Amino acid sequence: MKAKNASSEGYFVLLGFSNWPHLEVVLFVVILVFYLMTLIGNLFIIILSYLDSHLHTPMYFFLSNLSLLDLCYTTSSIPQLLVNLWGPEKAISYAGCMIQLYFVLAFGTTECMLLVVMSYDRYVALCRPLHYTVLMHPRFCHLLAVASWVSGFTTSALHSSFTFWVPLCGHRQVDHFFCEVPALLRLSCIDTHANELTLMVMSSIFVIMPLILILSSYGSIARAVLRMQSTAGLQKVFGTCGAHLIVVALFFIPVMYIYLQPPSGNSQDQGKFIALFYTVVTPSLNPLIYTLRSKDARRTVKRLMGWEWEM
C-alpha cells in the first residue's frame, strides 16, 4: 500500500463513538455536564485562592496551578469531542490534530509532574513542619511550578514530532475521539516498534517515576502519622492526603492502562471509554475532592459569602 502524507490530504476523521450512534446524544449530554463542572469548579478554586489572603499558601498555589492545568487539559480535547458527538461532521484538520496532540501531551505530562510537587509539599508540611516556611519558600514554589510546566511542554514537543514523522497509509480515520499517540500510530504503514518503545520509555519516565515519588512521599507521611497521638491531627492528615491520593489514583490508573502497553495491545473501544476518565471525569472531580475535604476552603467560602452559620 502506498504511503501518503496526511498533511497533503488536509484532515483526519475522528471516529470517536460512531460505532454506538445511539449513545452519542447521551454521551454529548453527560460530557457537556462534566465539562461545565470542570470549568465552574476549577475557575472557582482559582478565584477563591486569589481573593482570600488566608489561602496564599504553597498548597493552594499548587492547587491553583492544577486547576488552571485541568481547564486547559479538558479544553484541548472536549470541545472537539462535543462537536463530533453533536453532528455527522467528525473531521479535524491536519494542523488541528497536531496542535491537539501537542497540548494534550503537554498538559498531561505537566499534571504528572505537578502531582509530584504537590505530594512533596504535603511531605514537607507533615514530616518537617518546623522547616516548612524555609523549604517551601515562595520563590522555590514558583520554580517547582515553572519546572513542571516546562518539562511537560518540552517533552510533548519531542513526542509529537516523533509521532507525526511516521508515514501514514491511505485512510485518515483515527479510531479515537481525539488525536492521541497510540491511535495515530495505528495508521502507519511502517514498523512502529521504535515509536512504541519511545512511547513506553517516556511514559515510564513521566508516569511510573512520578507515581513512585508520590507513593514514597505518602509512605513517609504514613509513618509520621502512625507516630501521632492526636486524633484531630490524624483526621486532618488523612483528610488532606486522602484527597490527593484519590486524585492521583483517578489520573494515573487510566493513563497507565493506555500508555504503558503497545498500541496494538489494548482494545480500541475500551481505550476510548478509559480515556474519558482522565480527560473528562478526573478534571471535573478535582475541585470537589479538594474543596469538600478542606476546612480552609469552606471557611473562605463562608467568609466571602458573608454567612454567619457554620458550614
Protein backbone atom coordinates (compact mmCIF):
# COMPACT_ATOMS: atom_id res chain seq x y z
CA MET A 1 0.00 0.00 0.00
CA LYS A 2 1.35 3.36 -0.95
CA ALA A 3 2.15 5.65 1.95
CA LYS A 4 0.59 9.10 1.96
CA ASN A 5 1.42 12.22 3.86
CA ALA A 6 -1.69 13.19 5.85
CA SER A 7 -0.82 16.87 5.50
CA SER A 8 -1.44 16.58 1.76
CA GLU A 9 -4.97 15.33 2.47
CA GLY A 10 -5.58 18.18 4.88
CA TYR A 11 -7.63 16.43 7.55
CA PHE A 12 -8.27 13.39 9.75
CA VAL A 13 -11.59 11.80 10.65
CA LEU A 14 -12.08 11.19 14.37
CA LEU A 15 -14.31 8.12 14.54
CA GLY A 16 -14.90 8.58 18.26
CA PHE A 17 -18.02 6.74 19.38
CA SER A 18 -19.57 6.36 15.92
CA ASN A 19 -19.82 2.60 16.48
CA TRP A 20 -22.53 3.41 19.04
CA PRO A 21 -24.66 6.07 17.29
CA HIS A 22 -27.50 5.53 19.78
CA LEU A 23 -25.11 6.56 22.60
CA GLU A 24 -23.82 9.77 21.03
CA VAL A 25 -26.64 12.00 22.28
CA VAL A 26 -26.36 10.56 25.80
CA LEU A 27 -22.59 10.96 25.75
CA PHE A 28 -22.95 14.54 24.50
CA VAL A 29 -25.17 15.48 27.45
CA VAL A 30 -23.04 13.66 30.05
CA ILE A 31 -19.73 15.02 28.75
CA LEU A 32 -21.15 18.56 28.46
CA VAL A 33 -22.26 18.39 32.11
CA PHE A 34 -18.82 17.19 33.21
CA TYR A 35 -17.12 19.87 31.09
CA LEU A 36 -19.24 22.63 32.64
CA MET A 37 -18.46 21.21 36.10
CA THR A 38 -14.76 21.35 35.20
CA LEU A 39 -14.96 24.96 34.05
CA ILE A 40 -17.01 26.18 37.02
CA GLY A 41 -15.22 24.16 39.69
CA ASN A 42 -11.66 24.95 38.62
CA LEU A 43 -12.39 28.64 37.99
CA PHE A 44 -13.95 28.72 41.46
CA ILE A 45 -10.74 27.39 43.04
CA ILE A 46 -8.53 29.83 41.11
CA ILE A 47 -10.70 32.84 42.06
CA LEU A 48 -11.05 31.65 45.66
CA SER A 49 -7.29 31.24 46.07
CA TYR A 50 -6.67 34.68 44.58
CA LEU A 51 -9.27 36.59 46.63
CA ASP A 52 -8.53 35.24 50.10
CA SER A 53 -5.11 36.04 51.56
CA HIS A 54 -5.55 33.14 54.01
CA LEU A 55 -5.21 30.80 51.02
CA HIS A 56 -1.98 32.35 49.77
CA THR A 57 -0.08 29.24 50.80
CA PRO A 58 2.05 26.77 48.82
CA MET A 59 -0.72 24.16 48.93
CA TYR A 60 -3.30 26.47 47.33
CA PHE A 61 -0.73 27.91 44.95
CA PHE A 62 -0.13 24.44 43.54
CA LEU A 63 -3.84 23.68 43.66
CA SER A 64 -4.49 26.81 41.56
CA ASN A 65 -1.91 25.58 39.08
CA LEU A 66 -3.65 22.20 38.97
CA SER A 67 -7.00 23.90 38.36
CA LEU A 68 -5.58 26.01 35.53
CA LEU A 69 -3.97 22.89 34.12
CA ASP A 70 -7.26 20.95 34.22
CA LEU A 71 -9.06 23.82 32.47
CA CYS A 72 -6.50 23.78 29.67
CA TYR A 73 -6.32 19.98 29.52
CA THR A 74 -10.05 19.45 29.04
CA THR A 75 -10.39 22.39 26.65
CA SER A 76 -7.70 20.91 24.38
CA SER A 77 -9.93 17.92 23.53
CA ILE A 78 -13.51 18.15 24.89
CA PRO A 79 -14.93 20.95 22.68
CA GLN A 80 -13.87 18.99 19.59
CA LEU A 81 -15.46 15.85 21.05
CA LEU A 82 -18.74 17.69 21.72
CA VAL A 83 -18.82 19.00 18.14
CA ASN A 84 -18.24 15.48 16.79
CA LEU A 85 -20.94 13.98 19.01
CA TRP A 86 -23.49 16.65 18.06
CA GLY A 87 -23.39 16.26 14.28
CA PRO A 88 -22.25 13.97 11.48
CA GLU A 89 -19.13 16.03 10.75
CA LYS A 90 -16.18 14.40 12.56
CA ALA A 91 -13.23 15.84 10.66
CA ILE A 92 -10.29 17.66 12.19
CA SER A 93 -7.64 19.42 10.13
CA TYR A 94 -4.12 18.05 9.99
CA ALA A 95 -2.82 21.18 11.73
CA GLY A 96 -5.62 20.94 14.30
CA CYS A 97 -4.70 17.34 15.02
CA MET A 98 -1.04 18.26 15.51
CA ILE A 99 -1.95 21.11 17.85
CA GLN A 100 -4.39 18.96 19.80
CA LEU A 101 -1.87 16.13 20.22
CA TYR A 102 0.81 18.57 21.36
CA PHE A 103 -1.32 20.25 24.01
CA VAL A 104 -2.94 17.05 25.29
CA LEU A 105 0.52 15.54 25.81
CA ALA A 106 1.90 18.77 27.27
CA PHE A 107 -0.89 19.26 29.81
CA GLY A 108 -1.00 15.56 30.69
CA THR A 109 2.74 15.38 31.34
CA THR A 110 2.65 18.63 33.31
CA GLU A 111 -0.10 17.21 35.52
CA CYS A 112 2.03 14.16 36.31
CA MET A 113 4.89 16.41 37.43
CA LEU A 114 2.63 18.82 39.32
CA LEU A 115 1.08 15.98 41.34
CA VAL A 116 4.62 15.00 42.39
CA VAL A 117 5.28 18.58 43.52
CA MET A 118 2.02 18.62 45.49
CA SER A 119 2.94 15.37 47.23
CA TYR A 120 6.33 16.87 48.15
CA ASP A 121 4.55 19.91 49.60
CA ARG A 122 2.40 17.63 51.79
CA TYR A 123 5.50 15.64 52.82
CA VAL A 124 7.32 18.78 53.99
CA ALA A 125 4.21 20.15 55.73
CA LEU A 126 3.59 16.94 57.71
CA CYS A 127 7.05 15.44 58.19
CA ARG A 128 9.14 18.61 58.54
CA PRO A 129 6.68 21.24 59.80
CA LEU A 130 9.31 23.35 61.58
CA HIS A 131 11.21 23.83 58.31
CA TYR A 132 8.14 24.25 56.09
CA THR A 133 8.36 28.02 55.55
CA VAL A 134 12.05 27.71 54.67
CA LEU A 135 11.81 24.67 52.40
CA MET A 136 8.65 25.86 50.64
CA HIS A 137 9.71 29.44 50.11
CA PRO A 138 7.54 31.28 47.54
CA ARG A 139 10.42 31.54 45.08
CA PHE A 140 11.06 27.80 45.31
CA CYS A 141 7.34 27.09 44.86
CA HIS A 142 7.28 29.20 41.71
CA LEU A 143 10.39 27.40 40.46
CA LEU A 144 8.77 24.00 41.01
CA ALA A 145 5.62 25.09 39.18
CA VAL A 146 7.58 26.51 36.23
CA ALA A 147 9.71 23.34 36.06
CA SER A 148 6.54 21.22 35.88
CA TRP A 149 5.09 23.27 33.02
CA VAL A 150 8.37 23.49 31.09
CA SER A 151 9.04 19.73 31.38
CA GLY A 152 5.56 18.96 30.09
CA PHE A 153 5.75 21.25 27.07
CA THR A 154 9.32 20.23 26.19
CA THR A 155 8.56 16.50 26.36
CA SER A 156 5.41 16.97 24.30
CA ALA A 157 7.34 18.77 21.55
CA LEU A 158 9.68 15.79 21.15
CA HIS A 159 6.94 13.19 21.37
CA SER A 160 4.60 14.96 18.94
CA SER A 161 7.40 15.32 16.41
CA PHE A 162 8.23 11.60 16.55
CA THR A 163 4.56 10.72 16.05
CA PHE A 164 3.93 12.96 13.03
CA TRP A 165 7.13 11.86 11.28
CA VAL A 166 5.58 8.42 10.82
CA PRO A 167 4.20 7.98 7.26
CA LEU A 168 0.52 7.05 7.05
CA CYS A 169 -1.19 4.57 4.75
CA GLY A 170 -4.08 5.91 2.73
CA HIS A 171 -7.02 6.29 5.09
CA ARG A 172 -7.20 9.10 7.62
CA GLN A 173 -9.67 7.58 10.08
CA VAL A 174 -8.40 7.91 13.67
CA ASP A 175 -10.20 5.38 15.84
CA HIS A 176 -10.43 7.69 18.84
CA PHE A 177 -12.28 10.83 19.96
CA PHE A 178 -9.11 12.96 19.91
CA CYS A 179 -5.65 12.82 18.39
CA GLU A 180 -3.73 10.51 20.71
CA VAL A 181 -0.37 8.86 20.06
CA PRO A 182 -1.45 5.16 20.15
CA ALA A 183 -4.40 5.84 17.82
CA LEU A 184 -2.23 7.74 15.31
CA LEU A 185 0.47 5.07 15.29
CA ARG A 186 -2.14 2.54 14.17
CA LEU A 187 -2.45 4.46 10.89
CA SER A 188 1.19 3.86 9.99
CA CYS A 189 2.23 1.61 7.11
CA ILE A 190 5.74 1.02 8.50
CA ASP A 191 7.11 -0.75 11.53
CA THR A 192 6.38 1.45 14.57
CA HIS A 193 8.23 -0.59 17.18
CA ALA A 194 10.74 2.24 17.67
CA ASN A 195 7.91 4.70 18.27
CA GLU A 196 6.14 2.29 20.62
CA LEU A 197 9.38 1.76 22.55
CA THR A 198 9.90 5.52 22.78
CA LEU A 199 6.32 5.93 23.97
CA MET A 200 6.76 3.31 26.71
CA VAL A 201 10.13 4.71 27.83
CA MET A 202 8.83 8.28 28.01
CA SER A 203 5.67 7.09 29.74
CA SER A 204 7.77 5.22 32.28
CA ILE A 205 9.78 8.36 33.00
CA PHE A 206 6.79 10.71 33.26
CA VAL A 207 4.19 8.30 34.67
CA ILE A 208 5.89 5.48 36.60
CA MET A 209 8.64 7.61 38.14
CA PRO A 210 6.23 10.35 39.33
CA LEU A 211 3.95 7.66 40.77
CA ILE A 212 6.88 6.10 42.65
CA LEU A 213 7.87 9.50 44.05
CA ILE A 214 4.28 10.25 45.09
CA LEU A 215 3.90 6.88 46.84
CA SER A 216 7.28 7.37 48.54
CA SER A 217 6.16 10.74 49.87
CA TYR A 218 2.95 9.29 51.24
CA GLY A 219 4.80 6.30 52.65
CA SER A 220 6.88 8.75 54.71
CA ILE A 221 3.74 10.63 55.68
CA ALA A 222 2.04 7.40 56.77
CA ARG A 223 4.97 6.55 59.05
CA ALA A 224 4.83 10.05 60.57
CA VAL A 225 1.06 9.77 61.03
CA LEU A 226 1.37 6.49 62.93
CA ARG A 227 3.56 8.26 65.48
CA MET A 228 0.98 10.99 66.08
CA GLN A 229 -1.02 10.88 69.31
CA SER A 230 -3.65 13.48 68.40
CA THR A 231 -6.90 12.11 66.94
CA ALA A 232 -7.75 15.51 65.46
CA GLY A 233 -4.32 15.67 63.86
CA LEU A 234 -4.77 12.21 62.36
CA GLN A 235 -8.14 13.20 60.88
CA LYS A 236 -6.69 16.37 59.36
CA VAL A 237 -3.76 14.49 57.83
CA PHE A 238 -5.92 11.75 56.36
CA GLY A 239 -8.39 14.34 55.06
CA THR A 240 -5.74 16.34 53.20
CA CYS A 241 -3.64 13.43 51.97
CA GLY A 242 -6.64 11.25 51.19
CA ALA A 243 -7.93 13.87 48.75
CA HIS A 244 -4.59 13.99 46.97
CA LEU A 245 -4.35 10.20 46.73
CA ILE A 246 -7.84 9.98 45.23
CA VAL A 247 -6.82 12.49 42.54
CA VAL A 248 -3.61 10.53 41.89
CA ALA A 249 -5.49 7.23 41.50
CA LEU A 250 -8.15 8.70 39.20
CA PHE A 251 -5.50 10.18 36.91
CA PHE A 252 -2.63 7.67 36.91
CA ILE A 253 -4.50 4.35 36.68
CA PRO A 254 -6.27 5.10 33.34
CA VAL A 255 -3.15 6.78 31.91
CA MET A 256 -1.02 3.74 32.77
CA TYR A 257 -3.50 1.45 31.03
CA ILE A 258 -3.37 3.48 27.80
CA TYR A 259 0.30 4.42 27.56
CA LEU A 260 2.21 1.55 29.18
CA GLN A 261 1.40 -1.04 26.55
CA PRO A 262 1.81 -1.17 22.77
CA PRO A 263 -0.99 0.46 20.73
CA SER A 264 -1.90 -3.00 19.39
CA GLY A 265 -2.05 -4.41 22.90
CA ASN A 266 -5.27 -2.79 24.11
CA SER A 267 -8.88 -2.79 22.99
CA GLN A 268 -9.54 0.37 20.97
CA ASP A 269 -13.16 0.66 22.09
CA GLN A 270 -12.29 0.01 25.72
CA GLY A 271 -9.44 2.50 25.49
CA LYS A 272 -11.83 5.27 24.41
CA PHE A 273 -14.02 4.88 27.47
CA ILE A 274 -10.98 4.65 29.76
CA ALA A 275 -9.58 7.83 28.17
CA LEU A 276 -12.80 9.60 29.16
CA PHE A 277 -11.76 9.21 32.81
CA TYR A 278 -8.53 11.21 32.60
CA THR A 279 -9.80 13.72 30.03
CA VAL A 280 -13.35 14.33 31.31
CA VAL A 281 -14.11 12.81 34.71
CA THR A 282 -10.95 13.45 36.75
CA PRO A 283 -10.61 17.20 35.93
CA SER A 284 -14.25 17.74 36.95
CA LEU A 285 -13.86 15.89 40.25
CA ASN A 286 -10.61 17.53 41.39
CA PRO A 287 -12.29 20.74 42.67
CA LEU A 288 -14.96 18.74 44.55
CA ILE A 289 -12.42 16.37 46.09
CA TYR A 290 -10.19 19.18 47.33
CA THR A 291 -12.74 21.78 48.42
CA LEU A 292 -15.19 19.42 50.11
CA ARG A 293 -12.39 17.97 52.24
CA SER A 294 -10.75 21.33 53.00
CA LYS A 295 -11.94 23.29 56.03
CA ASP A 296 -9.87 26.29 54.87
CA ALA A 297 -11.75 26.42 51.56
CA ARG A 298 -15.12 26.08 53.29
CA ARG A 299 -14.25 28.87 55.73
CA THR A 300 -13.21 31.09 52.82
CA VAL A 301 -16.49 30.49 51.03
CA LYS A 302 -18.40 31.33 54.21
CA ARG A 303 -16.37 34.49 54.76
CA LEU A 304 -16.76 35.70 51.17
CA MET A 305 -20.48 34.97 51.11
CA GLY A 306 -21.00 36.66 54.47
CA TRP A 307 -22.56 33.58 56.05
CA GLU A 308 -22.71 33.56 59.80
CA TRP A 309 -23.71 29.96 60.43
CA GLU A 310 -21.33 27.04 60.43
CA MET A 311 -20.87 25.09 57.23
